[in-house]
Structures are given as C-alpha cells and as structure tokens.
PDB file of N, CA and C in Angstrom:
ATOM      1  N   MET A   1      -8.419  15.262 -17.307  1.00  0.00           N
ATOM      2  CA  MET A   1      -8.160  14.980 -15.909  1.00  0.00           C
ATOM      3  C   MET A   1      -7.046  15.901 -15.431  1.00  0.00           C
ATOM      4  N   GLN A   2      -7.242  16.550 -14.315  1.00  0.00           N
ATOM      5  CA  GLN A   2      -6.233  17.395 -13.691  1.00  0.00           C
ATOM      6  C   GLN A   2      -5.937  16.833 -12.316  1.00  0.00           C
ATOM      7  N   VAL A   3      -4.675  16.933 -11.905  1.00  0.00           N
ATOM      8  CA  VAL A   3      -4.293  16.469 -10.578  1.00  0.00           C
ATOM      9  C   VAL A   3      -3.613  17.611  -9.861  1.00  0.00           C
ATOM     10  N   ASN A   4      -4.059  17.894  -8.662  1.00  0.00           N
ATOM     11  CA  ASN A   4      -3.446  18.898  -7.818  1.00  0.00           C
ATOM     12  C   ASN A   4      -2.703  18.156  -6.715  1.00  0.00           C
ATOM     13  N   ASP A   5      -1.376  18.036  -6.837  1.00  0.00           N
ATOM     14  CA  ASP A   5      -0.580  17.233  -5.917  1.00  0.00           C
ATOM     15  C   ASP A   5      -0.654  17.709  -4.478  1.00  0.00           C
ATOM     16  N   SER A   6      -0.650  19.018  -4.270  1.00  0.00           N
ATOM     17  CA  SER A   6      -0.602  19.517  -2.905  1.00  0.00           C
ATOM     18  C   SER A   6      -1.862  19.186  -2.121  1.00  0.00           C
ATOM     19  N   ALA A   7      -2.990  19.151  -2.759  1.00  0.00           N
ATOM     20  CA  ALA A   7      -4.245  18.902  -2.059  1.00  0.00           C
ATOM     21  C   ALA A   7      -4.751  17.478  -2.250  1.00  0.00           C
ATOM     22  N   GLN A   8      -4.053  16.670  -3.046  1.00  0.00           N
ATOM     23  CA  GLN A   8      -4.476  15.303  -3.335  1.00  0.00           C
ATOM     24  C   GLN A   8      -5.913  15.279  -3.854  1.00  0.00           C
ATOM     25  N   VAL A   9      -6.217  16.144  -4.806  1.00  0.00           N
ATOM     26  CA  VAL A   9      -7.556  16.248  -5.378  1.00  0.00           C
ATOM     27  C   VAL A   9      -7.466  15.979  -6.869  1.00  0.00           C
ATOM     28  N   MET A  10      -8.345  15.130  -7.365  1.00  0.00           N
ATOM     29  CA  MET A  10      -8.433  14.873  -8.799  1.00  0.00           C
ATOM     30  C   MET A  10      -9.699  15.512  -9.336  1.00  0.00           C
ATOM     31  N   ILE A  11      -9.594  16.096 -10.504  1.00  0.00           N
ATOM     32  CA  ILE A  11     -10.760  16.670 -11.161  1.00  0.00           C
ATOM     33  C   ILE A  11     -10.969  15.899 -12.451  1.00  0.00           C
ATOM     34  N   MET A  12     -12.044  15.119 -12.508  1.00  0.00           N
ATOM     35  CA  MET A  12     -12.361  14.325 -13.685  1.00  0.00           C
ATOM     36  C   MET A  12     -13.788  14.644 -14.105  1.00  0.00           C
ATOM     37  N   HIS A  13     -13.964  14.964 -15.373  1.00  0.00           N
ATOM     38  CA  HIS A  13     -15.289  15.232 -15.920  1.00  0.00           C
ATOM     39  C   HIS A  13     -16.043  16.246 -15.060  1.00  0.00           C
ATOM     40  N   ASN A  14     -15.345  17.301 -14.658  1.00  0.00           N
ATOM     41  CA  ASN A  14     -15.915  18.382 -13.864  1.00  0.00           C
ATOM     42  C   ASN A  14     -16.402  17.946 -12.483  1.00  0.00           C
ATOM     43  N   LYS A  15     -15.920  16.813 -11.987  1.00  0.00           N
ATOM     44  CA  LYS A  15     -16.239  16.363 -10.633  1.00  0.00           C
ATOM     45  C   LYS A  15     -14.949  16.287  -9.840  1.00  0.00           C
ATOM     46  N   THR A  16     -14.988  16.722  -8.612  1.00  0.00           N
ATOM     47  CA  THR A  16     -13.809  16.699  -7.753  1.00  0.00           C
ATOM     48  C   THR A  16     -13.837  15.435  -6.909  1.00  0.00           C
ATOM     49  N   ILE A  17     -12.722  14.699  -6.933  1.00  0.00           N
ATOM     50  CA  ILE A  17     -12.601  13.469  -6.165  1.00  0.00           C
ATOM     51  C   ILE A  17     -11.403  13.624  -5.239  1.00  0.00           C
ATOM     52  N   LYS A  18     -11.623  13.496  -3.944  1.00  0.00           N
ATOM     53  CA  LYS A  18     -10.519  13.573  -2.989  1.00  0.00           C
ATOM     54  C   LYS A  18      -9.973  12.170  -2.755  1.00  0.00           C
ATOM     55  N   GLU A  19      -8.669  12.033  -2.836  1.00  0.00           N
ATOM     56  CA  GLU A  19      -8.025  10.753  -2.574  1.00  0.00           C
ATOM     57  C   GLU A  19      -7.714  10.633  -1.092  1.00  0.00           C
ATOM     58  N   THR A  20      -7.855   9.440  -0.558  1.00  0.00           N
ATOM     59  CA  THR A  20      -7.505   9.192   0.828  1.00  0.00           C
ATOM     60  C   THR A  20      -5.993   9.083   0.929  1.00  0.00           C
ATOM     61  N   PRO A  21      -5.378   9.795   1.866  1.00  0.00           N
ATOM     62  CA  PRO A  21      -3.926   9.678   2.037  1.00  0.00           C
ATOM     63  C   PRO A  21      -3.534   8.246   2.403  1.00  0.00           C
ATOM     64  N   ILE A  22      -2.362   7.827   1.978  1.00  0.00           N
ATOM     65  CA  ILE A  22      -1.899   6.452   2.209  1.00  0.00           C
ATOM     66  C   ILE A  22      -1.896   6.103   3.689  1.00  0.00           C
ATOM     67  N   TRP A  23      -1.466   7.024   4.542  1.00  0.00           N
ATOM     68  CA  TRP A  23      -1.351   6.713   5.966  1.00  0.00           C
ATOM     69  C   TRP A  23      -2.710   6.533   6.648  1.00  0.00           C
ATOM     70  N   LYS A  24      -3.804   6.857   5.961  1.00  0.00           N
ATOM     71  CA  LYS A  24      -5.142   6.642   6.517  1.00  0.00           C
ATOM     72  C   LYS A  24      -5.786   5.359   6.000  1.00  0.00           C
ATOM     73  N   LYS A  25      -5.188   4.740   4.983  1.00  0.00           N
ATOM     74  CA  LYS A  25      -5.747   3.523   4.403  1.00  0.00           C
ATOM     75  C   LYS A  25      -5.347   2.314   5.240  1.00  0.00           C
ATOM     76  N   SER A  26      -6.273   1.374   5.381  1.00  0.00           N
ATOM     77  CA  SER A  26      -5.943   0.154   6.111  1.00  0.00           C
ATOM     78  C   SER A  26      -5.395  -0.922   5.176  1.00  0.00           C
ATOM     79  N   LEU A  27      -5.813  -0.915   3.906  1.00  0.00           N
ATOM     80  CA  LEU A  27      -5.301  -1.846   2.898  1.00  0.00           C
ATOM     81  C   LEU A  27      -4.519  -1.072   1.862  1.00  0.00           C
ATOM     82  N   LEU A  28      -3.326  -1.561   1.542  1.00  0.00           N
ATOM     83  CA  LEU A  28      -2.471  -0.899   0.564  1.00  0.00           C
ATOM     84  C   LEU A  28      -2.177  -1.832  -0.597  1.00  0.00           C
ATOM     85  N   THR A  29      -2.045  -1.264  -1.783  1.00  0.00           N
ATOM     86  CA  THR A  29      -1.542  -2.028  -2.916  1.00  0.00           C
ATOM     87  C   THR A  29      -0.033  -2.152  -2.756  1.00  0.00           C
ATOM     88  N   VAL A  30       0.587  -2.937  -3.601  1.00  0.00           N
ATOM     89  CA  VAL A  30       2.042  -3.094  -3.546  1.00  0.00           C
ATOM     90  C   VAL A  30       2.734  -1.755  -3.803  1.00  0.00           C
ATOM     91  N   VAL A  31       2.231  -0.998  -4.765  1.00  0.00           N
ATOM     92  CA  VAL A  31       2.823   0.304  -5.094  1.00  0.00           C
ATOM     93  C   VAL A  31       2.691   1.264  -3.915  1.00  0.00           C
ATOM     94  N   GLU A  32       1.506   1.309  -3.299  1.00  0.00           N
ATOM     95  CA  GLU A  32       1.307   2.184  -2.151  1.00  0.00           C
ATOM     96  C   GLU A  32       2.177   1.764  -0.973  1.00  0.00           C
ATOM     97  N   ALA A  33       2.280   0.459  -0.726  1.00  0.00           N
ATOM     98  CA  ALA A  33       3.107  -0.034   0.376  1.00  0.00           C
ATOM     99  C   ALA A  33       4.572   0.309   0.140  1.00  0.00           C
ATOM    100  N   ALA A  34       5.030   0.200  -1.099  1.00  0.00           N
ATOM    101  CA  ALA A  34       6.415   0.533  -1.418  1.00  0.00           C
ATOM    102  C   ALA A  34       6.692   2.005  -1.131  1.00  0.00           C
ATOM    103  N   LYS A  35       5.758   2.870  -1.485  1.00  0.00           N
ATOM    104  CA  LYS A  35       5.923   4.301  -1.212  1.00  0.00           C
ATOM    105  C   LYS A  35       5.877   4.575   0.286  1.00  0.00           C
ATOM    106  N   TYR A  36       4.910   4.000   0.971  1.00  0.00           N
ATOM    107  CA  TYR A  36       4.704   4.276   2.389  1.00  0.00           C
ATOM    108  C   TYR A  36       5.867   3.775   3.247  1.00  0.00           C
ATOM    109  N   PHE A  37       6.312   2.541   2.993  1.00  0.00           N
ATOM    110  CA  PHE A  37       7.360   1.939   3.811  1.00  0.00           C
ATOM    111  C   PHE A  37       8.762   2.186   3.266  1.00  0.00           C
ATOM    112  N   GLN A  38       8.847   2.821   2.106  1.00  0.00           N
ATOM    113  CA  GLN A  38      10.120   3.095   1.443  1.00  0.00           C
ATOM    114  C   GLN A  38      10.935   1.818   1.239  1.00  0.00           C
ATOM    115  N   ILE A  39      10.241   0.820   0.715  1.00  0.00           N
ATOM    116  CA  ILE A  39      10.818  -0.473   0.353  1.00  0.00           C
ATOM    117  C   ILE A  39      10.486  -0.671  -1.114  1.00  0.00           C
ATOM    118  N   GLY A  40      11.366  -1.272  -1.875  1.00  0.00           N
ATOM    119  CA  GLY A  40      11.114  -1.505  -3.294  1.00  0.00           C
ATOM    120  C   GLY A  40       9.920  -2.423  -3.525  1.00  0.00           C
ATOM    121  N   GLU A  41       9.258  -2.215  -4.654  1.00  0.00           N
ATOM    122  CA  GLU A  41       8.095  -3.033  -4.997  1.00  0.00           C
ATOM    123  C   GLU A  41       8.447  -4.521  -5.060  1.00  0.00           C
ATOM    124  N   GLU A  42       9.598  -4.833  -5.620  1.00  0.00           N
ATOM    125  CA  GLU A  42      10.010  -6.239  -5.715  1.00  0.00           C
ATOM    126  C   GLU A  42      10.201  -6.854  -4.331  1.00  0.00           C
ATOM    127  N   ASN A  43      10.741  -6.090  -3.391  1.00  0.00           N
ATOM    128  CA  ASN A  43      10.889  -6.600  -2.023  1.00  0.00           C
ATOM    129  C   ASN A  43       9.529  -6.814  -1.363  1.00  0.00           C
ATOM    130  N   ILE A  44       8.592  -5.916  -1.594  1.00  0.00           N
ATOM    131  CA  ILE A  44       7.233  -6.088  -1.064  1.00  0.00           C
ATOM    132  C   ILE A  44       6.614  -7.360  -1.642  1.00  0.00           C
ATOM    133  N   ARG A  45       6.761  -7.550  -2.956  1.00  0.00           N
ATOM    134  CA  ARG A  45       6.210  -8.753  -3.601  1.00  0.00           C
ATOM    135  C   ARG A  45       6.881 -10.025  -3.064  1.00  0.00           C
ATOM    136  N   ARG A  46       8.199  -9.974  -2.869  1.00  0.00           N
ATOM    137  CA  ARG A  46       8.921 -11.131  -2.333  1.00  0.00           C
ATOM    138  C   ARG A  46       8.436 -11.470  -0.925  1.00  0.00           C
ATOM    139  N   ILE A  47       8.288 -10.457  -0.095  1.00  0.00           N
ATOM    140  CA  ILE A  47       7.825 -10.682   1.278  1.00  0.00           C
ATOM    141  C   ILE A  47       6.424 -11.282   1.282  1.00  0.00           C
ATOM    142  N   THR A  48       5.535 -10.787   0.429  1.00  0.00           N
ATOM    143  CA  THR A  48       4.174 -11.333   0.392  1.00  0.00           C
ATOM    144  C   THR A  48       4.154 -12.767  -0.134  1.00  0.00           C
ATOM    145  N   ARG A  49       5.060 -13.092  -1.059  1.00  0.00           N
ATOM    146  CA  ARG A  49       5.142 -14.486  -1.540  1.00  0.00           C
ATOM    147  C   ARG A  49       5.672 -15.406  -0.450  1.00  0.00           C
ATOM    148  N   GLU A  50       6.709 -14.959   0.262  1.00  0.00           N
ATOM    149  CA  GLU A  50       7.323 -15.790   1.299  1.00  0.00           C
ATOM    150  C   GLU A  50       6.445 -15.929   2.540  1.00  0.00           C
ATOM    151  N   HIS A  51       5.566 -14.968   2.774  1.00  0.00           N
ATOM    152  CA  HIS A  51       4.714 -14.963   3.968  1.00  0.00           C
ATOM    153  C   HIS A  51       3.245 -14.876   3.576  1.00  0.00           C
ATOM    154  N   LYS A  52       2.845 -15.651   2.564  1.00  0.00           N
ATOM    155  CA  LYS A  52       1.495 -15.527   2.013  1.00  0.00           C
ATOM    156  C   LYS A  52       0.390 -15.899   3.000  1.00  0.00           C
ATOM    157  N   ASP A  53       0.713 -16.608   4.071  1.00  0.00           N
ATOM    158  CA  ASP A  53      -0.303 -16.984   5.060  1.00  0.00           C
ATOM    159  C   ASP A  53      -0.306 -16.073   6.287  1.00  0.00           C
ATOM    160  N   GLU A  54       0.522 -15.041   6.278  1.00  0.00           N
ATOM    161  CA  GLU A  54       0.578 -14.105   7.411  1.00  0.00           C
ATOM    162  C   GLU A  54      -0.656 -13.204   7.412  1.00  0.00           C
ATOM    163  N   SER A  55      -0.906 -12.594   8.567  1.00  0.00           N
ATOM    164  CA  SER A  55      -2.109 -11.763   8.716  1.00  0.00           C
ATOM    165  C   SER A  55      -2.047 -10.464   7.915  1.00  0.00           C
ATOM    166  N   PHE A  56      -0.856 -10.020   7.530  1.00  0.00           N
ATOM    167  CA  PHE A  56      -0.750  -8.758   6.798  1.00  0.00           C
ATOM    168  C   PHE A  56      -0.981  -8.904   5.298  1.00  0.00           C
ATOM    169  N   VAL A  57      -1.106 -10.130   4.797  1.00  0.00           N
ATOM    170  CA  VAL A  57      -1.284 -10.368   3.358  1.00  0.00           C
ATOM    171  C   VAL A  57      -2.739 -10.718   3.075  1.00  0.00           C
ATOM    172  N   LEU A  58      -3.310 -10.048   2.099  1.00  0.00           N
ATOM    173  CA  LEU A  58      -4.671 -10.336   1.659  1.00  0.00           C
ATOM    174  C   LEU A  58      -4.646 -10.530   0.150  1.00  0.00           C
ATOM    175  N   TRP A  59      -5.061 -11.710  -0.293  1.00  0.00           N
ATOM    176  CA  TRP A  59      -5.096 -12.007  -1.723  1.00  0.00           C
ATOM    177  C   TRP A  59      -6.528 -11.894  -2.223  1.00  0.00           C
ATOM    178  N   ARG A  60      -6.718 -11.162  -3.295  1.00  0.00           N
ATOM    179  CA  ARG A  60      -7.997 -11.066  -3.994  1.00  0.00           C
ATOM    180  C   ARG A  60      -7.729 -11.441  -5.437  1.00  0.00           C
ATOM    181  N   ASN A  61      -8.199 -12.639  -5.824  1.00  0.00           N
ATOM    182  CA  ASN A  61      -7.875 -13.213  -7.130  1.00  0.00           C
ATOM    183  C   ASN A  61      -6.352 -13.262  -7.248  1.00  0.00           C
ATOM    184  N   ARG A  62      -5.785 -12.570  -8.208  1.00  0.00           N
ATOM    185  CA  ARG A  62      -4.326 -12.582  -8.371  1.00  0.00           C
ATOM    186  C   ARG A  62      -3.666 -11.338  -7.779  1.00  0.00           C
ATOM    187  N   ARG A  63      -4.449 -10.436  -7.217  1.00  0.00           N
ATOM    188  CA  ARG A  63      -3.909  -9.199  -6.646  1.00  0.00           C
ATOM    189  C   ARG A  63      -3.633  -9.387  -5.162  1.00  0.00           C
ATOM    190  N   VAL A  64      -2.580  -8.762  -4.717  1.00  0.00           N
ATOM    191  CA  VAL A  64      -2.225  -8.842  -3.298  1.00  0.00           C
ATOM    192  C   VAL A  64      -2.373  -7.453  -2.686  1.00  0.00           C
ATOM    193  N   PHE A  65      -2.916  -7.434  -1.479  1.00  0.00           N
ATOM    194  CA  PHE A  65      -3.041  -6.207  -0.705  1.00  0.00           C
ATOM    195  C   PHE A  65      -2.328  -6.411   0.620  1.00  0.00           C
ATOM    196  N   ILE A  66      -1.839  -5.330   1.190  1.00  0.00           N
ATOM    197  CA  ILE A  66      -1.094  -5.391   2.439  1.00  0.00           C
ATOM    198  C   ILE A  66      -1.882  -4.641   3.500  1.00  0.00           C
ATOM    199  N   ARG A  67      -2.126  -5.314   4.621  1.00  0.00           N
ATOM    200  CA  ARG A  67      -2.766  -4.640   5.753  1.00  0.00           C
ATOM    201  C   ARG A  67      -1.691  -3.801   6.436  1.00  0.00           C
ATOM    202  N   ARG A  68      -1.866  -2.486   6.371  1.00  0.00           N
ATOM    203  CA  ARG A  68      -0.826  -1.539   6.772  1.00  0.00           C
ATOM    204  C   ARG A  68      -0.356  -1.735   8.214  1.00  0.00           C
ATOM    205  N   GLU A  69      -1.272  -1.755   9.171  1.00  0.00           N
ATOM    206  CA  GLU A  69      -0.876  -1.846  10.576  1.00  0.00           C
ATOM    207  C   GLU A  69      -0.213  -3.185  10.893  1.00  0.00           C
ATOM    208  N   ALA A  70      -0.750  -4.273  10.363  1.00  0.00           N
ATOM    209  CA  ALA A  70      -0.158  -5.599  10.603  1.00  0.00           C
ATOM    210  C   ALA A  70       1.224  -5.692   9.967  1.00  0.00           C
ATOM    211  N   PHE A  71       1.402  -5.075   8.791  1.00  0.00           N
ATOM    212  CA  PHE A  71       2.698  -5.098   8.126  1.00  0.00           C
ATOM    213  C   PHE A  71       3.718  -4.260   8.895  1.00  0.00           C
ATOM    214  N   GLU A  72       3.271  -3.154   9.472  1.00  0.00           N
ATOM    215  CA  GLU A  72       4.164  -2.344  10.309  1.00  0.00           C
ATOM    216  C   GLU A  72       4.692  -3.165  11.473  1.00  0.00           C
ATOM    217  N   LYS A  73       3.811  -3.911  12.143  1.00  0.00           N
ATOM    218  CA  LYS A  73       4.226  -4.764  13.263  1.00  0.00           C
ATOM    219  C   LYS A  73       5.189  -5.844  12.788  1.00  0.00           C
ATOM    220  N   PHE A  74       4.907  -6.429  11.627  1.00  0.00           N
ATOM    221  CA  PHE A  74       5.783  -7.453  11.069  1.00  0.00           C
ATOM    222  C   PHE A  74       7.172  -6.879  10.803  1.00  0.00           C
ATOM    223  N   LEU A  75       7.230  -5.701  10.192  1.00  0.00           N
ATOM    224  CA  LEU A  75       8.519  -5.080   9.883  1.00  0.00           C
ATOM    225  C   LEU A  75       9.291  -4.695  11.142  1.00  0.00           C
ATOM    226  N   ASP A  76       8.578  -4.304  12.189  1.00  0.00           N
ATOM    227  CA  ASP A  76       9.236  -3.961  13.456  1.00  0.00           C
ATOM    228  C   ASP A  76      10.005  -5.152  14.031  1.00  0.00           C
ATOM    229  N   GLY A  77       9.525  -6.350  13.761  1.00  0.00           N
ATOM    230  CA  GLY A  77      10.177  -7.559  14.275  1.00  0.00           C
ATOM    231  C   GLY A  77      11.333  -8.059  13.437  1.00  0.00           C
ATOM    232  N   LEU A  78      11.567  -7.458  12.272  1.00  0.00           N
ATOM    233  CA  LEU A  78      12.653  -7.888  11.383  1.00  0.00           C
ATOM    234  C   LEU A  78      13.940  -7.141  11.676  1.00  0.00           C
ATOM    235  N   ASN A  79      15.055  -7.834  11.509  1.00  0.00           N
ATOM    236  CA  ASN A  79      16.358  -7.186  11.617  1.00  0.00           C
ATOM    237  C   ASN A  79      16.811  -6.631  10.278  1.00  0.00           C
ATOM    238  N   GLU A  80      16.441  -7.315   9.191  1.00  0.00           N
ATOM    239  CA  GLU A  80      16.786  -6.858   7.847  1.00  0.00           C
ATOM    240  C   GLU A  80      15.758  -7.373   6.868  1.00  0.00           C
ATOM    241  N   ILE A  81      15.713  -6.729   5.706  1.00  0.00           N
ATOM    242  CA  ILE A  81      14.737  -7.130   4.681  1.00  0.00           C
ATOM    243  C   ILE A  81      15.473  -7.843   3.563  1.00  0.00           C
TER     244      ILE A  81
END
C-alpha cells in the first residue's frame, strides 16, 4: 500500500482509490472530527456522550458518527468546550 499525501490517493493492489476530503464528508468519525474541528478526540467523545440525543450525533451499534454541518452549528452556539 502506498499513500500520496498531497493528492489524497491510496494505491492498494495496483488499484487507485481517491479519498474524499474531510470537509466534503457529511458524517465524520471521532478521529476525523477531531482533526477537522481541531478539538481533542476525548473532548469530541465527551460532547457526544453528554449530548447523545442531539441532531449532530449518530450512533451505529457502538460507534459514534458526527454530522459535520449540525456539529458546526452546535459549536457556534458554545462559549467554551
């Protein structure tokens, strides 16, 4: 497997796979949300636990996903994290 960081392209088994940039994704993992919003992973996890019924949180089995646009609006309304 080779990764070309500048082009966000992965080459696996002689096939090229383009990754979708984080800012184009509507659902983010905790790791992606931490990178995108520049908030620590633990803070993202804490916020999702404390606001598990909010519109920006999506639970699939034991995994949590963050709806990017809804989370942006939520963060805009906060004074501190």
